């Protein structure tokens, strides 16, 4: 423990007993033990936060790779369909093609409304 052997620890405890007295020594030992336990707990939480940050970083990197692969696939698809050179497709169009499809509202279903024909009168109305 900290490069100290058993004789050094006994000397330190003997000096602490003489200086602090037999009544205060157990209270101070309890306080010291609680402090060390809180320090270990805080250290463990810090390590867990670092692990979470590393997991988030890995997930972000994976998502970037998937995005790059998807852009490459779209670029190849567009160039094959349009028979253009790969450089002819704008990066802006590729980046926003997927976003536009994802953000475009879905087509609304047609409502069941009778069509109005200006040449015909409604039989219910006596006009």
C-alpha atoms as a PDB file:
ATOM      1  CA  UNK A   1       0.000   0.000   0.000  1.00  0.00           C
ATOM      2  CA  UNK A   2       1.736   3.177  -1.286  1.00  0.00           C
ATOM      3  CA  UNK A   3       5.100   1.431  -1.010  1.00  0.00           C
ATOM      4  CA  UNK A   4       4.822   1.118   2.760  1.00  0.00           C
ATOM      5  CA  UNK A   5       5.395  -2.075   4.646  1.00  0.00           C
ATOM      6  CA  UNK A   6       3.783  -3.341   7.823  1.00  0.00           C
ATOM      7  CA  UNK A   7       6.305  -1.665  10.209  1.00  0.00           C
ATOM      8  CA  UNK A   8       5.669   1.792   8.696  1.00  0.00           C
ATOM      9  CA  UNK A   9       1.885   1.370   8.996  1.00  0.00           C
ATOM     10  CA  UNK A  10       2.190   0.313  12.658  1.00  0.00           C
ATOM     11  CA  UNK A  11       4.338   3.374  13.417  1.00  0.00           C
ATOM     12  CA  UNK A  12       1.802   5.687  11.736  1.00  0.00           C
ATOM     13  CA  UNK A  13      -1.101   4.115  13.676  1.00  0.00           C
ATOM     14  CA  UNK A  14       0.828   4.406  16.965  1.00  0.00           C
ATOM     15  CA  UNK A  15       1.544   8.101  16.336  1.00  0.00           C
ATOM     16  CA  UNK A  16      -2.104   8.687  15.371  1.00  0.00           C
ATOM     17  CA  UNK A  17      -3.256   6.956  18.563  1.00  0.00           C
ATOM     18  CA  UNK A  18      -0.963   9.125  20.690  1.00  0.00           C
ATOM     19  CA  UNK A  19      -1.846  12.385  18.918  1.00  0.00           C
ATOM     20  CA  UNK A  20      -5.606  11.857  18.494  1.00  0.00           C
ATOM     21  CA  UNK A  21      -6.343   9.758  21.532  1.00  0.00           C
ATOM     22  CA  UNK A  22      -8.305   6.526  21.856  1.00  0.00           C
ATOM     23  CA  UNK A  23     -11.718   8.264  21.711  1.00  0.00           C
ATOM     24  CA  UNK A  24     -11.194  10.237  18.495  1.00  0.00           C
ATOM     25  CA  UNK A  25      -9.314   7.571  16.517  1.00  0.00           C
ATOM     26  CA  UNK A  26     -12.390   5.355  15.705  1.00  0.00           C
ATOM     27  CA  UNK A  27     -14.432   8.402  14.611  1.00  0.00           C
ATOM     28  CA  UNK A  28     -11.664   9.616  12.339  1.00  0.00           C
ATOM     29  CA  UNK A  29     -11.196   6.093  10.930  1.00  0.00           C
ATOM     30  CA  UNK A  30     -14.948   5.930  10.127  1.00  0.00           C
ATOM     31  CA  UNK A  31     -14.832   9.328   8.441  1.00  0.00           C
ATOM     32  CA  UNK A  32     -11.766   8.331   6.471  1.00  0.00           C
ATOM     33  CA  UNK A  33     -13.429   5.063   5.412  1.00  0.00           C
ATOM     34  CA  UNK A  34     -16.567   6.903   4.254  1.00  0.00           C
ATOM     35  CA  UNK A  35     -14.471   9.391   2.325  1.00  0.00           C
ATOM     36  CA  UNK A  36     -12.560   6.628   0.572  1.00  0.00           C
ATOM     37  CA  UNK A  37     -15.851   4.828  -0.265  1.00  0.00           C
ATOM     38  CA  UNK A  38     -17.315   8.030  -1.751  1.00  0.00           C
ATOM     39  CA  UNK A  39     -14.137   8.586  -3.734  1.00  0.00           C
ATOM     40  CA  UNK A  40     -14.311   5.042  -5.143  1.00  0.00           C
ATOM     41  CA  UNK A  41     -17.983   5.534  -6.031  1.00  0.00           C
ATOM     42  CA  UNK A  42     -17.253   8.830  -7.810  1.00  0.00           C
ATOM     43  CA  UNK A  43     -14.354   7.205  -9.659  1.00  0.00           C
ATOM     44  CA  UNK A  44     -16.594   4.334 -10.791  1.00  0.00           C
ATOM     45  CA  UNK A  45     -19.264   6.776 -12.048  1.00  0.00           C
ATOM     46  CA  UNK A  46     -16.588   8.712 -13.918  1.00  0.00           C
ATOM     47  CA  UNK A  47     -15.372   5.506 -15.589  1.00  0.00           C
ATOM     48  CA  UNK A  48     -18.954   4.624 -16.577  1.00  0.00           C
ATOM     49  CA  UNK A  49     -19.419   8.084 -18.119  1.00  0.00           C
ATOM     50  CA  UNK A  50     -16.237   7.635 -20.123  1.00  0.00           C
ATOM     51  CA  UNK A  51     -17.480   4.236 -21.324  1.00  0.00           C
ATOM     52  CA  UNK A  52     -20.806   5.780 -22.379  1.00  0.00           C
ATOM     53  CA  UNK A  53     -18.953   8.535 -24.244  1.00  0.00           C
ATOM     54  CA  UNK A  54     -16.855   5.915 -26.040  1.00  0.00           C
ATOM     55  CA  UNK A  55     -19.992   3.965 -26.965  1.00  0.00           C
ATOM     56  CA  UNK A  56     -21.607   7.126 -28.350  1.00  0.00           C
ATOM     57  CA  UNK A  57     -18.457   7.944 -30.315  1.00  0.00           C
ATOM     58  CA  UNK A  58     -18.441   4.436 -31.822  1.00  0.00           C
ATOM     59  CA  UNK A  59     -22.133   4.724 -32.730  1.00  0.00           C
ATOM     60  CA  UNK A  60     -21.524   8.112 -34.370  1.00  0.00           C
ATOM     61  CA  UNK A  61     -18.632   6.682 -36.400  1.00  0.00           C
ATOM     62  CA  UNK A  62     -20.789   3.741 -37.485  1.00  0.00           C
ATOM     63  CA  UNK A  63     -23.573   6.084 -38.583  1.00  0.00           C
ATOM     64  CA  UNK A  64     -21.097   8.154 -40.595  1.00  0.00           C
ATOM     65  CA  UNK A  65     -19.873   5.011 -42.352  1.00  0.00           C
ATOM     66  CA  UNK A  66     -23.448   3.976 -43.148  1.00  0.00           C
ATOM     67  CA  UNK A  67     -24.184   7.475 -44.471  1.00  0.00           C
ATOM     68  CA  UNK A  68     -21.077   7.398 -46.684  1.00  0.00           C
ATOM     69  CA  UNK A  69     -22.003   3.955 -48.005  1.00  0.00           C
ATOM     70  CA  UNK A  70     -25.542   5.114 -48.711  1.00  0.00           C
ATOM     71  CA  UNK A  71     -24.298   8.206 -50.542  1.00  0.00           C
ATOM     72  CA  UNK A  72     -21.967   6.058 -52.641  1.00  0.00           C
ATOM     73  CA  UNK A  73     -24.824   3.705 -53.479  1.00  0.00           C
ATOM     74  CA  UNK A  74     -27.093   6.593 -54.460  1.00  0.00           C
ATOM     75  CA  UNK A  75     -24.305   8.186 -56.507  1.00  0.00           C
ATOM     76  CA  UNK A  76     -23.710   4.933 -58.404  1.00  0.00           C
ATOM     77  CA  UNK A  77     -27.424   4.406 -58.933  1.00  0.00           C
ATOM     78  CA  UNK A  78     -27.969   7.927 -60.238  1.00  0.00           C
ATOM     79  CA  UNK A  79     -24.953   7.796 -62.533  1.00  0.00           C
ATOM     80  CA  UNK A  80     -25.951   4.418 -63.946  1.00  0.00           C
ATOM     81  CA  UNK A  81     -29.510   5.567 -64.536  1.00  0.00           C
ATOM     82  CA  UNK A  82     -28.574   8.884 -66.116  1.00  0.00           C
ATOM     83  CA  UNK A  83     -25.460   7.456 -67.820  1.00  0.00           C
ATOM     84  CA  UNK A  84     -23.445  10.363 -66.489  1.00  0.00           C
ATOM     85  CA  UNK A  85     -19.959  10.628 -65.118  1.00  0.00           C
ATOM     86  CA  UNK A  86     -19.720  10.199 -61.312  1.00  0.00           C
ATOM     87  CA  UNK A  87     -18.540  13.825 -60.973  1.00  0.00           C
ATOM     88  CA  UNK A  88     -21.620  15.138 -62.813  1.00  0.00           C
ATOM     89  CA  UNK A  89     -23.872  14.365 -59.847  1.00  0.00           C
ATOM     90  CA  UNK A  90     -23.839  17.229 -57.359  1.00  0.00           C
ATOM     91  CA  UNK A  91     -22.902  16.372 -53.787  1.00  0.00           C
ATOM     92  CA  UNK A  92     -25.661  18.665 -52.577  1.00  0.00           C
ATOM     93  CA  UNK A  93     -28.270  16.648 -54.470  1.00  0.00           C
ATOM     94  CA  UNK A  94     -26.969  13.392 -53.011  1.00  0.00           C
ATOM     95  CA  UNK A  95     -26.918  14.698 -49.458  1.00  0.00           C
ATOM     96  CA  UNK A  96     -30.436  16.051 -49.656  1.00  0.00           C
ATOM     97  CA  UNK A  97     -32.043  13.317 -51.745  1.00  0.00           C
ATOM     98  CA  UNK A  98     -32.527  11.040 -48.762  1.00  0.00           C
ATOM     99  CA  UNK A  99     -33.487  13.936 -46.478  1.00  0.00           C
ATOM    100  CA  UNK A 100     -36.148  15.135 -48.921  1.00  0.00           C
ATOM    101  CA  UNK A 101     -37.674  11.680 -49.174  1.00  0.00           C
ATOM    102  CA  UNK A 102     -37.658  11.309 -45.394  1.00  0.00           C
ATOM    103  CA  UNK A 103     -39.116  14.742 -44.674  1.00  0.00           C
ATOM    104  CA  UNK A 104     -41.663  14.868 -47.501  1.00  0.00           C
ATOM    105  CA  UNK A 105     -45.179  14.431 -46.101  1.00  0.00           C
ATOM    106  CA  UNK A 106     -46.964  11.267 -47.100  1.00  0.00           C
ATOM    107  CA  UNK A 107     -49.607  11.570 -49.793  1.00  0.00           C
ATOM    108  CA  UNK A 108     -52.980  12.252 -48.213  1.00  0.00           C
ATOM    109  CA  UNK A 109     -55.767   9.855 -49.134  1.00  0.00           C
ATOM    110  CA  UNK A 110     -58.478  11.265 -51.354  1.00  0.00           C
ATOM    111  CA  UNK A 111     -61.540  12.253 -49.408  1.00  0.00           C
ATOM    112  CA  UNK A 112     -64.918  10.842 -50.396  1.00  0.00           C
ATOM    113  CA  UNK A 113     -66.495  14.053 -51.660  1.00  0.00           C
ATOM    114  CA  UNK A 114     -68.970  14.094 -54.495  1.00  0.00           C
ATOM    115  CA  UNK A 115     -67.686  15.867 -57.543  1.00  0.00           C
ATOM    116  CA  UNK A 116     -69.505  19.046 -58.444  1.00  0.00           C
ATOM    117  CA  UNK A 117     -70.536  19.335 -62.039  1.00  0.00           C
ATOM    118  CA  UNK A 118     -71.493  22.893 -62.906  1.00  0.00           C
ATOM    119  CA  UNK A 119     -74.020  21.721 -65.475  1.00  0.00           C
ATOM    120  CA  UNK A 120     -76.084  19.637 -63.061  1.00  0.00           C
ATOM    121  CA  UNK A 121     -78.270  20.905 -60.240  1.00  0.00           C
ATOM    122  CA  UNK A 122     -78.562  19.236 -56.876  1.00  0.00           C
ATOM    123  CA  UNK A 123     -82.022  17.529 -56.727  1.00  0.00           C
ATOM    124  CA  UNK A 124     -82.308  18.295 -53.005  1.00  0.00           C
ATOM    125  CA  UNK A 125     -82.199  22.011 -53.571  1.00  0.00           C
ATOM    126  CA  UNK A 126     -85.291  23.604 -55.036  1.00  0.00           C
ATOM    127  CA  UNK A 127     -83.786  26.433 -56.837  1.00  0.00           C
END
